[in-house]
PDB file of N, CA and C in Angstrom:
ATOM      1  N   MET A   1      36.548  32.411   6.141  1.00  0.00           N
ATOM      2  CA  MET A   1      37.328  31.743   5.608  1.00  0.00           C
ATOM      3  C   MET A   1      37.890  30.291   6.137  1.00  0.00           C
ATOM      4  N   TYR A   2      38.167  29.317   5.565  1.00  0.00           N
ATOM      5  CA  TYR A   2      38.345  28.382   6.388  1.00  0.00           C
ATOM      6  C   TYR A   2      38.921  27.541   5.137  1.00  0.00           C
ATOM      7  N   GLY A   3      39.810  26.638   5.632  1.00  0.00           N
ATOM      8  CA  GLY A   3      40.370  25.657   4.825  1.00  0.00           C
ATOM      9  C   GLY A   3      41.796  24.333   5.706  1.00  0.00           C
ATOM     10  N   ASP A   4      42.321  24.094   4.724  1.00  0.00           N
ATOM     11  CA  ASP A   4      43.380  22.943   4.983  1.00  0.00           C
ATOM     12  C   ASP A   4      44.444  23.459   4.630  1.00  0.00           C
ATOM     13  N   LYS A   5      45.829  22.303   5.013  1.00  0.00           N
ATOM     14  CA  LYS A   5      46.624  22.749   4.312  1.00  0.00           C
ATOM     15  C   LYS A   5      47.006  22.581   2.402  1.00  0.00           C
ATOM     16  N   ALA A   6      45.813  22.289   2.131  1.00  0.00           N
ATOM     17  CA  ALA A   6      46.349  22.263   0.832  1.00  0.00           C
ATOM     18  C   ALA A   6      45.178  23.596  -0.085  1.00  0.00           C
ATOM     19  N   ASP A   7      44.139  23.949   0.398  1.00  0.00           N
ATOM     20  CA  ASP A   7      43.441  25.121  -0.092  1.00  0.00           C
ATOM     21  C   ASP A   7      42.620  25.708   0.837  1.00  0.00           C
ATOM     22  N   CYS A   8      42.427  27.318   0.923  1.00  0.00           N
ATOM     23  CA  CYS A   8      41.474  27.639   1.295  1.00  0.00           C
ATOM     24  C   CYS A   8      40.105  28.047   0.885  1.00  0.00           C
ATOM     25  N   ILE A   9      39.272  28.290   1.345  1.00  0.00           N
ATOM     26  CA  ILE A   9      38.230  28.217   0.952  1.00  0.00           C
ATOM     27  C   ILE A   9      37.046  29.397   1.464  1.00  0.00           C
ATOM     28  N   TYR A  10      36.920  30.524   0.266  1.00  0.00           N
ATOM     29  CA  TYR A  10      36.028  32.062   0.789  1.00  0.00           C
ATOM     30  C   TYR A  10      34.445  31.571   0.567  1.00  0.00           C
ATOM     31  N   ASP A  11      33.793  31.750   1.322  1.00  0.00           N
ATOM     32  CA  ASP A  11      32.205  31.152   1.423  1.00  0.00           C
ATOM     33  C   ASP A  11      31.481  32.005   2.036  1.00  0.00           C
ATOM     34  N   ALA A  12      30.358  32.912   1.153  1.00  0.00           N
ATOM     35  CA  ALA A  12      29.590  33.821   1.630  1.00  0.00           C
ATOM     36  C   ALA A  12      28.086  33.600   0.963  1.00  0.00           C
ATOM     37  N   PRO A  13      27.679  32.916   1.605  1.00  0.00           N
ATOM     38  CA  PRO A  13      26.108  32.837   0.816  1.00  0.00           C
ATOM     39  C   PRO A  13      25.284  33.720   0.711  1.00  0.00           C
ATOM     40  N   ALA A  14      25.853  34.314   1.753  1.00  0.00           N
ATOM     41  CA  ALA A  14      24.670  36.190   1.730  1.00  0.00           C
ATOM     42  C   ALA A  14      25.021  36.997   0.223  1.00  0.00           C
ATOM     43  N   ALA A  15      26.602  36.637   0.534  1.00  0.00           N
ATOM     44  CA  ALA A  15      26.996  37.593  -0.962  1.00  0.00           C
ATOM     45  C   ALA A  15      26.720  37.250  -2.221  1.00  0.00           C
ATOM     46  N   LYS A  16      26.638  35.784  -2.247  1.00  0.00           N
ATOM     47  CA  LYS A  16      26.620  35.136  -2.990  1.00  0.00           C
ATOM     48  C   LYS A  16      28.086  34.984  -3.707  1.00  0.00           C
ATOM     49  N   ALA A  17      29.252  34.829  -3.023  1.00  0.00           N
ATOM     50  CA  ALA A  17      30.504  34.971  -3.343  1.00  0.00           C
ATOM     51  C   ALA A  17      31.368  33.676  -2.959  1.00  0.00           C
ATOM     52  N   ASN A  18      31.959  32.823  -3.417  1.00  0.00           N
ATOM     53  CA  ASN A  18      32.996  31.875  -2.776  1.00  0.00           C
ATOM     54  C   ASN A  18      33.766  31.682  -3.862  1.00  0.00           C
ATOM     55  N   ARG A  19      35.664  31.406  -3.183  1.00  0.00           N
ATOM     56  CA  ARG A  19      36.603  31.284  -3.820  1.00  0.00           C
ATOM     57  C   ARG A  19      37.367  30.338  -3.436  1.00  0.00           C
ATOM     58  N   GLU A  20      38.569  29.668  -4.517  1.00  0.00           N
ATOM     59  CA  GLU A  20      39.389  28.745  -3.856  1.00  0.00           C
ATOM     60  C   GLU A  20      40.047  29.214  -3.852  1.00  0.00           C
ATOM     61  N   PHE A  21      41.505  29.198  -3.293  1.00  0.00           N
ATOM     62  CA  PHE A  21      42.919  29.299  -3.316  1.00  0.00           C
ATOM     63  C   PHE A  21      43.635  28.501  -3.153  1.00  0.00           C
ATOM     64  N   GLY A  22      45.036  28.549  -3.647  1.00  0.00           N
ATOM     65  CA  GLY A  22      46.000  27.338  -3.285  1.00  0.00           C
ATOM     66  C   GLY A  22      46.488  27.693  -1.786  1.00  0.00           C
ATOM     67  N   CYS A  23      46.470  28.614  -1.513  1.00  0.00           N
ATOM     68  CA  CYS A  23      47.002  29.278  -0.324  1.00  0.00           C
ATOM     69  C   CYS A  23      47.110  30.865   0.380  1.00  0.00           C
ATOM     70  N   VAL A  24      46.408  30.721   1.419  1.00  0.00           N
ATOM     71  CA  VAL A  24      46.227  32.273   2.249  1.00  0.00           C
ATOM     72  C   VAL A  24      46.770  32.011   3.458  1.00  0.00           C
ATOM     73  N   LEU A  25      47.971  33.145   3.580  1.00  0.00           N
ATOM     74  CA  LEU A  25      48.420  33.635   4.765  1.00  0.00           C
ATOM     75  C   LEU A  25      48.093  34.743   5.458  1.00  0.00           C
ATOM     76  N   ARG A  26      47.593  34.578   6.403  1.00  0.00           N
ATOM     77  CA  ARG A  26      47.112  35.875   7.253  1.00  0.00           C
ATOM     78  C   ARG A  26      48.278  36.367   8.070  1.00  0.00           C
ATOM     79  N   ARG A  27      48.011  37.878   7.849  1.00  0.00           N
ATOM     80  CA  ARG A  27      49.253  38.555   8.609  1.00  0.00           C
ATOM     81  C   ARG A  27      48.703  39.111   9.826  1.00  0.00           C
ATOM     82  N   SER A  28      49.387  39.593  10.811  1.00  0.00           N
ATOM     83  CA  SER A  28      48.917  40.020  12.248  1.00  0.00           C
ATOM     84  C   SER A  28      47.524  41.121  11.798  1.00  0.00           C
ATOM     85  N   ASP A  29      47.955  41.932  10.843  1.00  0.00           N
ATOM     86  CA  ASP A  29      47.353  42.922  10.792  1.00  0.00           C
ATOM     87  C   ASP A  29      45.919  42.898  10.073  1.00  0.00           C
ATOM     88  N   GLU A  30      45.646  41.910  10.092  1.00  0.00           N
ATOM     89  CA  GLU A  30      44.428  41.425   9.322  1.00  0.00           C
ATOM     90  C   GLU A  30      43.940  40.999   8.029  1.00  0.00           C
ATOM     91  N   GLN A  31      45.553  41.672   7.486  1.00  0.00           N
ATOM     92  CA  GLN A  31      45.130  41.507   5.808  1.00  0.00           C
ATOM     93  C   GLN A  31      46.161  39.790   5.302  1.00  0.00           C
ATOM     94  N   PHE A  32      45.801  39.802   4.166  1.00  0.00           N
ATOM     95  CA  PHE A  32      46.456  38.108   4.137  1.00  0.00           C
ATOM     96  C   PHE A  32      46.926  38.131   2.820  1.00  0.00           C
ATOM     97  N   ASP A  33      48.251  37.405   2.135  1.00  0.00           N
ATOM     98  CA  ASP A  33      48.872  37.199   0.885  1.00  0.00           C
ATOM     99  C   ASP A  33      48.125  36.168   0.273  1.00  0.00           C
ATOM    100  N   PHE A  34      47.575  35.900  -0.719  1.00  0.00           N
ATOM    101  CA  PHE A  34      46.951  35.328  -1.869  1.00  0.00           C
ATOM    102  C   PHE A  34      48.022  34.417  -2.651  1.00  0.00           C
ATOM    103  N   TYR A  35      48.109  33.160  -2.537  1.00  0.00           N
ATOM    104  CA  TYR A  35      48.685  32.698  -3.639  1.00  0.00           C
ATOM    105  C   TYR A  35      47.897  31.415  -4.082  1.00  0.00           C
ATOM    106  N   GLU A  36      48.103  31.758  -5.673  1.00  0.00           N
ATOM    107  CA  GLU A  36      46.982  31.303  -6.516  1.00  0.00           C
ATOM    108  C   GLU A  36      47.841  30.304  -7.183  1.00  0.00           C
ATOM    109  N   CYS A  37      47.665  29.343  -7.325  1.00  0.00           N
ATOM    110  CA  CYS A  37      48.188  27.984  -8.339  1.00  0.00           C
ATOM    111  C   CYS A  37      47.599  27.516  -9.157  1.00  0.00           C
ATOM    112  N   LYS A  38      48.863  27.420  -9.790  1.00  0.00           N
ATOM    113  CA  LYS A  38      48.032  27.037 -11.441  1.00  0.00           C
ATOM    114  C   LYS A  38      48.976  25.823 -12.248  1.00  0.00           C
ATOM    115  N   TYR A  39      48.419  24.551 -12.550  1.00  0.00           N
ATOM    116  CA  TYR A  39      49.127  23.555 -12.878  1.00  0.00           C
ATOM    117  C   TYR A  39      48.660  23.385 -14.742  1.00  0.00           C
ATOM    118  N   PHE A  40      49.561  24.628 -15.352  1.00  0.00           N
ATOM    119  CA  PHE A  40      48.858  24.161 -16.843  1.00  0.00           C
ATOM    120  C   PHE A  40      50.467  23.814 -17.199  1.00  0.00           C
ATOM    121  N   ASP A  41      50.225  23.628 -18.300  1.00  0.00           N
ATOM    122  CA  ASP A  41      50.930  23.321 -19.421  1.00  0.00           C
ATOM    123  C   ASP A  41      51.439  23.898 -20.289  1.00  0.00           C
ATOM    124  N   ARG A  42      51.181  25.362 -20.146  1.00  0.00           N
ATOM    125  CA  ARG A  42      51.389  26.491 -20.723  1.00  0.00           C
ATOM    126  C   ARG A  42      51.447  27.854 -19.480  1.00  0.00           C
ATOM    127  N   LYS A  43      51.925  28.927 -20.346  1.00  0.00           N
ATOM    128  CA  LYS A  43      52.181  30.147 -19.630  1.00  0.00           C
ATOM    129  C   LYS A  43      51.013  31.143 -19.001  1.00  0.00           C
ATOM    130  N   ILE A  44      51.067  31.666 -18.218  1.00  0.00           N
ATOM    131  CA  ILE A  44      49.971  32.422 -17.648  1.00  0.00           C
ATOM    132  C   ILE A  44      50.181  34.150 -18.277  1.00  0.00           C
ATOM    133  N   THR A  45      49.513  34.684 -18.439  1.00  0.00           N
ATOM    134  CA  THR A  45      49.220  35.905 -19.009  1.00  0.00           C
ATOM    135  C   THR A  45      49.204  36.382 -18.200  1.00  0.00           C
ATOM    136  N   VAL A  46      49.636  38.283 -17.964  1.00  0.00           N
ATOM    137  CA  VAL A  46      49.121  39.343 -17.290  1.00  0.00           C
ATOM    138  C   VAL A  46      48.000  39.502 -17.103  1.00  0.00           C
ATOM    139  N   LYS A  47      46.938  39.444 -18.504  1.00  0.00           N
ATOM    140  CA  LYS A  47      45.630  39.439 -18.620  1.00  0.00           C
ATOM    141  C   LYS A  47      44.977  38.483 -17.285  1.00  0.00           C
ATOM    142  N   GLU A  48      45.312  37.067 -17.465  1.00  0.00           N
ATOM    143  CA  GLU A  48      44.986  36.783 -16.591  1.00  0.00           C
ATOM    144  C   GLU A  48      45.099  36.497 -14.954  1.00  0.00           C
ATOM    145  N   CYS A  49      46.528  37.175 -14.635  1.00  0.00           N
ATOM    146  CA  CYS A  49      46.832  37.469 -13.591  1.00  0.00           C
ATOM    147  C   CYS A  49      45.814  38.609 -13.094  1.00  0.00           C
ATOM    148  N   ARG A  50      45.914  39.455 -13.679  1.00  0.00           N
ATOM    149  CA  ARG A  50      44.746  40.827 -13.035  1.00  0.00           C
ATOM    150  C   ARG A  50      43.197  40.426 -13.158  1.00  0.00           C
ATOM    151  N   GLN A  51      43.153  39.717 -13.922  1.00  0.00           N
ATOM    152  CA  GLN A  51      41.698  38.903 -13.454  1.00  0.00           C
ATOM    153  C   GLN A  51      41.049  38.209 -12.610  1.00  0.00           C
ATOM    154  N   GLU A  52      42.480  37.348 -11.978  1.00  0.00           N
ATOM    155  CA  GLU A  52      42.536  36.892 -10.912  1.00  0.00           C
ATOM    156  C   GLU A  52      42.123  37.160  -9.852  1.00  0.00           C
ATOM    157  N   LYS A  53      43.317  38.686  -9.821  1.00  0.00           N
ATOM    158  CA  LYS A  53      43.318  39.527  -8.654  1.00  0.00           C
ATOM    159  C   LYS A  53      41.993  40.473  -8.734  1.00  0.00           C
ATOM    160  N   ALA A  54      41.200  40.722  -9.977  1.00  0.00           N
ATOM    161  CA  ALA A  54      40.056  41.641  -9.945  1.00  0.00           C
ATOM    162  C   ALA A  54      38.805  41.054  -9.083  1.00  0.00           C
ATOM    163  N   GLN A  55      38.967  39.933  -9.180  1.00  0.00           N
ATOM    164  CA  GLN A  55      37.928  38.891  -8.355  1.00  0.00           C
ATOM    165  C   GLN A  55      37.902  39.045  -7.105  1.00  0.00           C
ATOM    166  N   LEU A  56      39.357  38.367  -6.589  1.00  0.00           N
ATOM    167  CA  LEU A  56      39.551  39.177  -5.023  1.00  0.00           C
ATOM    168  C   LEU A  56      39.113  39.952  -4.472  1.00  0.00           C
ATOM    169  N   GLU A  57      39.613  41.369  -5.512  1.00  0.00           N
ATOM    170  CA  GLU A  57      39.150  42.283  -4.462  1.00  0.00           C
ATOM    171  C   GLU A  57      37.943  42.747  -4.775  1.00  0.00           C
ATOM    172  N   LYS A  58      36.530  41.991  -5.118  1.00  0.00           N
ATOM    173  CA  LYS A  58      36.020  42.561  -5.188  1.00  0.00           C
ATOM    174  C   LYS A  58      34.643  41.670  -3.707  1.00  0.00           C
ATOM    175  N   ILE A  59      35.527  40.623  -3.447  1.00  0.00           N
ATOM    176  CA  ILE A  59      35.214  40.163  -1.786  1.00  0.00           C
ATOM    177  C   ILE A  59      35.123  41.197  -1.102  1.00  0.00           C
ATOM    178  N   ARG A  60      34.271  41.277  -0.479  1.00  0.00           N
ATOM    179  CA  ARG A  60      33.797  42.187   1.167  1.00  0.00           C
ATOM    180  C   ARG A  60      34.435  41.701   1.797  1.00  0.00           C
ATOM    181  N   GLY A  61      35.140  42.326   2.393  1.00  0.00           N
ATOM    182  CA  GLY A  61      35.717  42.255   4.126  1.00  0.00           C
ATOM    183  C   GLY A  61      37.034  41.603   3.977  1.00  0.00           C
ATOM    184  N   ILE A  62      38.077  41.366   2.866  1.00  0.00           N
ATOM    185  CA  ILE A  62      39.018  40.903   2.597  1.00  0.00           C
ATOM    186  C   ILE A  62      39.949  41.856   2.431  1.00  0.00           C
ATOM    187  N   GLN A  63      41.314  42.162   3.068  1.00  0.00           N
ATOM    188  CA  GLN A  63      42.344  42.651   2.843  1.00  0.00           C
ATOM    189  C   GLN A  63      43.636  42.599   2.047  1.00  0.00           C
ATOM    190  N   VAL A  64      43.756  42.343   0.718  1.00  0.00           N
ATOM    191  CA  VAL A  64      44.634  42.050   0.301  1.00  0.00           C
ATOM    192  C   VAL A  64      46.238  42.712   0.478  1.00  0.00           C
ATOM    193  N   ALA A  65      46.965  42.104   0.954  1.00  0.00           N
ATOM    194  CA  ALA A  65      48.252  42.526   1.127  1.00  0.00           C
ATOM    195  C   ALA A  65      49.217  42.711   0.084  1.00  0.00           C
ATOM    196  N   ASP A  66      49.490  41.162  -0.835  1.00  0.00           N
ATOM    197  CA  ASP A  66      49.615  40.953  -1.572  1.00  0.00           C
ATOM    198  C   ASP A  66      49.281  39.604  -2.417  1.00  0.00           C
ATOM    199  N   MET A  67      49.418  39.385  -3.677  1.00  0.00           N
ATOM    200  CA  MET A  67      49.088  38.566  -4.429  1.00  0.00           C
ATOM    201  C   MET A  67      49.988  37.917  -5.382  1.00  0.00           C
ATOM    202  N   ARG A  68      50.538  36.997  -5.121  1.00  0.00           N
ATOM    203  CA  ARG A  68      51.389  36.125  -5.838  1.00  0.00           C
ATOM    204  C   ARG A  68      50.878  34.833  -7.223  1.00  0.00           C
ATOM    205  N   PHE A  69      51.675  34.568  -7.275  1.00  0.00           N
ATOM    206  CA  PHE A  69      51.305  33.526  -8.455  1.00  0.00           C
ATOM    207  C   PHE A  69      51.976  32.405  -8.407  1.00  0.00           C
ATOM    208  N   VAL A  70      51.659  31.043  -8.397  1.00  0.00           N
ATOM    209  CA  VAL A  70      52.782  29.878  -8.851  1.00  0.00           C
ATOM    210  C   VAL A  70      52.238  28.968 -10.187  1.00  0.00           C
ATOM    211  N   CYS A  71      52.883  29.028 -11.249  1.00  0.00           N
ATOM    212  CA  CYS A  71      52.404  28.241 -12.351  1.00  0.00           C
ATOM    213  C   CYS A  71      53.614  27.615 -12.725  1.00  0.00           C
ATOM    214  N   THR A  72      53.706  25.841 -12.546  1.00  0.00           N
ATOM    215  CA  THR A  72      54.465  25.369 -13.436  1.00  0.00           C
ATOM    216  C   THR A  72      55.225  25.722 -14.390  1.00  0.00           C
ATOM    217  N   ASP A  73      54.513  25.939 -15.176  1.00  0.00           N
ATOM    218  CA  ASP A  73      55.257  26.325 -16.634  1.00  0.00           C
ATOM    219  C   ASP A  73      55.475  28.089 -16.855  1.00  0.00           C
ATOM    220  N   GLY A  74      55.435  28.666 -15.425  1.00  0.00           N
ATOM    221  CA  GLY A  74      55.911  29.971 -16.199  1.00  0.00           C
ATOM    222  C   GLY A  74      54.740  31.069 -16.381  1.00  0.00           C
ATOM    223  N   PHE A  75      55.177  32.185 -16.824  1.00  0.00           N
ATOM    224  CA  PHE A  75      54.653  33.464 -17.443  1.00  0.00           C
ATOM    225  C   PHE A  75      55.153  33.487 -18.676  1.00  0.00           C
ATOM    226  N   THR A  76      54.359  34.342 -19.152  1.00  0.00           N
ATOM    227  CA  THR A  76      54.559  35.391 -20.974  1.00  0.00           C
ATOM    228  C   THR A  76      54.958  36.529 -19.643  1.00  0.00           C
ATOM    229  N   PHE A  77      55.141  37.292 -18.931  1.00  0.00           N
ATOM    230  CA  PHE A  77      55.702  38.033 -18.867  1.00  0.00           C
ATOM    231  C   PHE A  77      56.559  38.297 -17.726  1.00  0.00           C
ATOM    232  N   GLU A  78      57.136  39.282 -17.579  1.00  0.00           N
ATOM    233  CA  GLU A  78      58.406  39.524 -16.450  1.00  0.00           C
ATOM    234  C   GLU A  78      57.603  40.524 -15.745  1.00  0.00           C
ATOM    235  N   ASP A  79      57.292  40.575 -14.203  1.00  0.00           N
ATOM    236  CA  ASP A  79      56.820  41.672 -12.870  1.00  0.00           C
ATOM    237  C   ASP A  79      57.623  42.066 -12.637  1.00  0.00           C
ATOM    238  N   GLU A  80      57.711  42.989 -12.115  1.00  0.00           N
ATOM    239  CA  GLU A  80      58.327  43.662 -10.800  1.00  0.00           C
ATOM    240  C   GLU A  80      57.700  44.429  -9.713  1.00  0.00           C
ATOM    241  N   HIS A  81      56.569  44.678 -10.138  1.00  0.00           N
ATOM    242  CA  HIS A  81      55.969  45.181  -8.491  1.00  0.00           C
ATOM    243  C   HIS A  81      54.166  44.866  -8.760  1.00  0.00           C
ATOM    244  N   GLU A  82      53.613  44.305  -9.772  1.00  0.00           N
ATOM    245  CA  GLU A  82      52.130  44.268  -9.270  1.00  0.00           C
ATOM    246  C   GLU A  82      51.873  43.044  -8.645  1.00  0.00           C
ATOM    247  N   PHE A  83      52.694  42.144  -8.767  1.00  0.00           N
ATOM    248  CA  PHE A  83      52.551  40.270  -8.733  1.00  0.00           C
ATOM    249  C   PHE A  83      53.827  39.872  -7.918  1.00  0.00           C
ATOM    250  N   ILE A  84      53.718  38.778  -7.687  1.00  0.00           N
ATOM    251  CA  ILE A  84      54.799  38.085  -7.289  1.00  0.00           C
ATOM    252  C   ILE A  84      54.725  36.846  -7.718  1.00  0.00           C
ATOM    253  N   LEU A  85      55.969  36.366  -8.703  1.00  0.00           N
ATOM    254  CA  LEU A  85      55.627  35.048  -9.292  1.00  0.00           C
ATOM    255  C   LEU A  85      56.531  34.531  -9.234  1.00  0.00           C
ATOM    256  N   ILE A  86      55.872  32.723  -8.944  1.00  0.00           N
ATOM    257  CA  ILE A  86      56.996  31.612  -9.022  1.00  0.00           C
ATOM    258  C   ILE A  86      56.692  30.801  -9.885  1.00  0.00           C
ATOM    259  N   ASP A  87      57.491  30.358 -10.551  1.00  0.00           N
ATOM    260  CA  ASP A  87      57.040  29.253 -11.540  1.00  0.00           C
ATOM    261  C   ASP A  87      58.044  28.165 -10.963  1.00  0.00           C
ATOM    262  N   GLY A  88      57.444  27.073 -12.083  1.00  0.00           N
ATOM    263  CA  GLY A  88      58.167  25.402 -11.973  1.00  0.00           C
ATOM    264  C   GLY A  88      59.789  25.482 -11.593  1.00  0.00           C
ATOM    265  N   LYS A  89      60.889  26.125 -12.222  1.00  0.00           N
ATOM    266  CA  LYS A  89      61.951  26.200 -11.874  1.00  0.00           C
ATOM    267  C   LYS A  89      62.179  26.551 -10.508  1.00  0.00           C
ATOM    268  N   THR A  90      61.859  27.419 -10.647  1.00  0.00           N
ATOM    269  CA  THR A  90      61.925  28.573  -8.774  1.00  0.00           C
ATOM    270  C   THR A  90      61.542  27.550  -7.935  1.00  0.00           C
ATOM    271  N   LEU A  91      60.503  27.106  -8.123  1.00  0.00           N
ATOM    272  CA  LEU A  91      59.813  26.147  -7.255  1.00  0.00           C
ATOM    273  C   LEU A  91      60.827  25.133  -6.917  1.00  0.00           C
ATOM    274  N   TYR A  92      61.035  23.792  -8.122  1.00  0.00           N
ATOM    275  CA  TYR A  92      61.647  23.114  -7.409  1.00  0.00           C
ATOM    276  C   TYR A  92      63.015  23.210  -7.429  1.00  0.00           C
ATOM    277  N   SER A  93      63.994  24.407  -7.380  1.00  0.00           N
ATOM    278  CA  SER A  93      64.986  24.736  -7.377  1.00  0.00           C
ATOM    279  C   SER A  93      65.482  24.565  -5.958  1.00  0.00           C
ATOM    280  N   SER A  94      64.643  24.360  -4.927  1.00  0.00           N
ATOM    281  CA  SER A  94      65.947  23.883  -3.767  1.00  0.00           C
ATOM    282  C   SER A  94      65.845  22.424  -3.275  1.00  0.00           C
ATOM    283  N   PHE A  95      65.103  21.671  -3.968  1.00  0.00           N
ATOM    284  CA  PHE A  95      64.588  20.453  -4.114  1.00  0.00           C
ATOM    285  C   PHE A  95      66.013  19.289  -4.465  1.00  0.00           C
TER     286      PHE A  95
END
């Protein structure tokens, strides 16, 4: 896994797997927090979030600690346990 400040890319040619993530934070215990960033003019559905998580969980050798979503227009659902959700209003509230 490699990346810069904006994007993180997972590339495993032998496994024919690659993904690009908005942000990945590595915990000290070799687990990772993934932030999937979407700049949509519509809200993200729970189905879309679950599909993204399922794709991530198929990647061997990566331990997912948390899956977080950032969407400028928000979400069609409220989530309390499965994901951490950050909408545009929350994202820009501290500026």
